[in-house]
Amino acid sequence: MSLRTEHFRRLTRLGSLDQTLRGIDAAIRSGFRRIKLNVVVLEQHNDDEVLDRRVSRVLAAV
């Protein structure tokens, strides 16, 4: 997965990032309390978008 439109399209083979994000927003608005997102990190494809685990823990605590 990628949050960059062109990367997302290439990685998902013509998927729409906007449509995916709208779907996640709709699930939240519909009352889903837990939403699981699976992410595959591919070296030289989307690995530059992954935060260092220490940084992500700090952000999650905020």
N, C-alpha and C. Protein backbone atom coordinates (compact mmCIF):
# COMPACT_ATOMS: atom_id res chain seq x y z
N MET A 1 0.84 -1.17 0.00
CA MET A 1 0.00 0.00 0.00
C MET A 1 0.88 1.23 0.00
N SER A 2 0.34 2.29 -0.49
CA SER A 2 1.04 3.56 -0.53
C SER A 2 0.00 4.67 -0.38
N LEU A 3 0.43 5.78 0.18
CA LEU A 3 -0.45 6.95 0.26
C LEU A 3 -0.13 7.95 -0.85
N ARG A 4 0.70 7.53 -1.77
CA ARG A 4 0.99 8.32 -2.96
C ARG A 4 0.17 7.75 -4.11
N THR A 5 -0.62 8.60 -4.73
CA THR A 5 -1.58 8.14 -5.74
C THR A 5 -0.95 7.27 -6.82
N GLU A 6 0.14 7.71 -7.40
CA GLU A 6 0.77 6.92 -8.48
C GLU A 6 1.34 5.61 -7.97
N HIS A 7 1.97 5.64 -6.79
CA HIS A 7 2.50 4.40 -6.21
C HIS A 7 1.36 3.42 -5.94
N PHE A 8 0.27 3.94 -5.35
CA PHE A 8 -0.87 3.09 -5.03
C PHE A 8 -1.42 2.43 -6.28
N ARG A 9 -1.59 3.22 -7.33
CA ARG A 9 -2.12 2.69 -8.59
C ARG A 9 -1.21 1.59 -9.14
N ARG A 10 0.09 1.82 -9.12
CA ARG A 10 1.04 0.83 -9.64
C ARG A 10 1.06 -0.43 -8.78
N LEU A 11 1.09 -0.26 -7.45
CA LEU A 11 1.18 -1.41 -6.56
C LEU A 11 -0.10 -2.25 -6.56
N THR A 12 -1.25 -1.60 -6.73
CA THR A 12 -2.52 -2.32 -6.70
C THR A 12 -3.04 -2.64 -8.09
N ARG A 13 -2.29 -2.28 -9.09
CA ARG A 13 -2.66 -2.53 -10.48
C ARG A 13 -3.99 -1.87 -10.84
N LEU A 14 -3.96 -0.57 -10.88
CA LEU A 14 -5.09 0.27 -11.29
C LEU A 14 -6.08 0.56 -10.17
N GLY A 15 -5.72 0.32 -8.92
CA GLY A 15 -6.59 0.67 -7.80
C GLY A 15 -6.67 2.17 -7.62
N SER A 16 -7.70 2.62 -6.94
CA SER A 16 -7.91 4.04 -6.71
C SER A 16 -7.68 4.37 -5.24
N LEU A 17 -6.67 5.16 -4.95
CA LEU A 17 -6.39 5.57 -3.57
C LEU A 17 -7.57 6.34 -3.00
N ASP A 18 -8.12 7.28 -3.77
CA ASP A 18 -9.25 8.07 -3.29
C ASP A 18 -10.44 7.18 -2.92
N GLN A 19 -10.74 6.22 -3.75
CA GLN A 19 -11.86 5.31 -3.49
C GLN A 19 -11.59 4.48 -2.23
N THR A 20 -10.36 4.03 -2.07
CA THR A 20 -9.99 3.24 -0.90
C THR A 20 -10.13 4.06 0.37
N LEU A 21 -9.62 5.30 0.35
CA LEU A 21 -9.72 6.16 1.53
C LEU A 21 -11.17 6.52 1.84
N ARG A 22 -11.99 6.73 0.81
CA ARG A 22 -13.42 6.99 1.02
C ARG A 22 -14.10 5.78 1.66
N GLY A 23 -13.69 4.59 1.26
CA GLY A 23 -14.25 3.37 1.85
C GLY A 23 -13.90 3.23 3.32
N ILE A 24 -12.66 3.57 3.67
CA ILE A 24 -12.24 3.53 5.07
C ILE A 24 -13.03 4.56 5.87
N ASP A 25 -13.16 5.77 5.33
CA ASP A 25 -13.95 6.81 6.00
C ASP A 25 -15.40 6.37 6.19
N ALA A 26 -15.98 5.73 5.18
CA ALA A 26 -17.37 5.27 5.27
C ALA A 26 -17.52 4.22 6.37
N ALA A 27 -16.55 3.33 6.49
CA ALA A 27 -16.59 2.31 7.54
C ALA A 27 -16.56 2.97 8.92
N ILE A 28 -15.73 3.99 9.07
CA ILE A 28 -15.66 4.70 10.35
C ILE A 28 -16.99 5.39 10.64
N ARG A 29 -17.53 6.08 9.66
CA ARG A 29 -18.82 6.78 9.84
C ARG A 29 -19.95 5.80 10.13
N SER A 30 -19.86 4.58 9.61
CA SER A 30 -20.90 3.58 9.82
C SER A 30 -20.82 2.95 11.21
N GLY A 31 -19.77 3.28 11.94
CA GLY A 31 -19.69 2.79 13.31
C GLY A 31 -18.71 1.66 13.55
N PHE A 32 -17.97 1.27 12.54
CA PHE A 32 -16.96 0.24 12.78
C PHE A 32 -15.98 0.77 13.81
N ARG A 33 -15.77 0.03 14.88
CA ARG A 33 -14.88 0.49 15.94
C ARG A 33 -13.44 0.06 15.71
N ARG A 34 -13.25 -1.03 15.03
CA ARG A 34 -11.90 -1.51 14.75
C ARG A 34 -11.79 -1.80 13.26
N ILE A 35 -10.79 -1.22 12.65
CA ILE A 35 -10.55 -1.44 11.22
C ILE A 35 -9.11 -1.89 11.08
N LYS A 36 -8.92 -3.02 10.45
CA LYS A 36 -7.57 -3.57 10.27
C LYS A 36 -7.11 -3.28 8.84
N LEU A 37 -5.96 -2.68 8.72
CA LEU A 37 -5.37 -2.41 7.41
C LEU A 37 -4.11 -3.24 7.27
N ASN A 38 -4.06 -4.05 6.26
CA ASN A 38 -2.86 -4.84 5.99
C ASN A 38 -1.96 -4.07 5.03
N VAL A 39 -0.69 -4.08 5.32
CA VAL A 39 0.27 -3.35 4.51
C VAL A 39 1.43 -4.28 4.17
N VAL A 40 1.81 -4.28 2.93
CA VAL A 40 2.98 -5.03 2.49
C VAL A 40 4.06 -4.02 2.12
N VAL A 41 5.21 -4.16 2.75
CA VAL A 41 6.33 -3.26 2.47
C VAL A 41 7.24 -3.94 1.46
N LEU A 42 7.45 -3.27 0.34
CA LEU A 42 8.29 -3.81 -0.73
C LEU A 42 9.53 -2.93 -0.90
N GLU A 43 10.68 -3.55 -0.76
CA GLU A 43 11.92 -2.82 -0.91
C GLU A 43 11.99 -2.14 -2.28
N GLN A 44 12.35 -0.89 -2.28
CA GLN A 44 12.48 -0.05 -3.47
C GLN A 44 11.15 0.25 -4.15
N HIS A 45 10.05 -0.01 -3.46
CA HIS A 45 8.73 0.33 -4.01
C HIS A 45 7.97 1.26 -3.07
N ASN A 46 7.85 0.85 -1.80
CA ASN A 46 7.14 1.69 -0.84
C ASN A 46 7.83 1.72 0.53
N ASP A 47 9.03 1.18 0.61
CA ASP A 47 9.72 1.12 1.90
C ASP A 47 10.10 2.51 2.42
N ASP A 48 10.15 3.50 1.55
CA ASP A 48 10.47 4.85 1.99
C ASP A 48 9.29 5.53 2.69
N GLU A 49 8.12 4.89 2.69
CA GLU A 49 6.94 5.47 3.32
C GLU A 49 6.68 4.91 4.72
N VAL A 50 7.51 4.00 5.17
CA VAL A 50 7.32 3.37 6.47
C VAL A 50 8.11 4.14 7.52
N LEU A 51 7.40 4.52 8.57
CA LEU A 51 8.05 5.23 9.67
C LEU A 51 8.88 4.27 10.51
N ASP A 52 9.91 4.79 11.09
CA ASP A 52 10.68 4.03 12.07
C ASP A 52 9.71 3.63 13.19
N ARG A 53 9.79 2.40 13.68
CA ARG A 53 8.86 1.90 14.70
C ARG A 53 8.84 2.78 15.94
N ARG A 54 9.99 3.33 16.31
CA ARG A 54 10.04 4.19 17.50
C ARG A 54 9.22 5.45 17.27
N VAL A 55 9.30 6.01 16.08
CA VAL A 55 8.54 7.22 15.77
C VAL A 55 7.06 6.91 15.76
N SER A 56 6.66 5.79 15.17
CA SER A 56 5.23 5.45 15.09
C SER A 56 4.65 5.22 16.49
N ARG A 57 5.42 4.66 17.40
CA ARG A 57 4.93 4.48 18.78
C ARG A 57 4.68 5.82 19.45
N VAL A 58 5.55 6.76 19.23
CA VAL A 58 5.38 8.10 19.80
C VAL A 58 4.14 8.75 19.23
N LEU A 59 3.95 8.66 17.92
CA LEU A 59 2.78 9.26 17.28
C LEU A 59 1.49 8.59 17.76
N ALA A 60 1.52 7.30 17.99
CA ALA A 60 0.32 6.58 18.44
C ALA A 60 -0.08 7.00 19.85
N ALA A 61 0.89 7.42 20.64
CA ALA A 61 0.61 7.83 22.01
C ALA A 61 0.01 9.22 22.10
N VAL A 62 0.10 9.98 21.02
CA VAL A 62 -0.39 11.37 21.03
C VAL A 62 -1.89 11.42 20.87
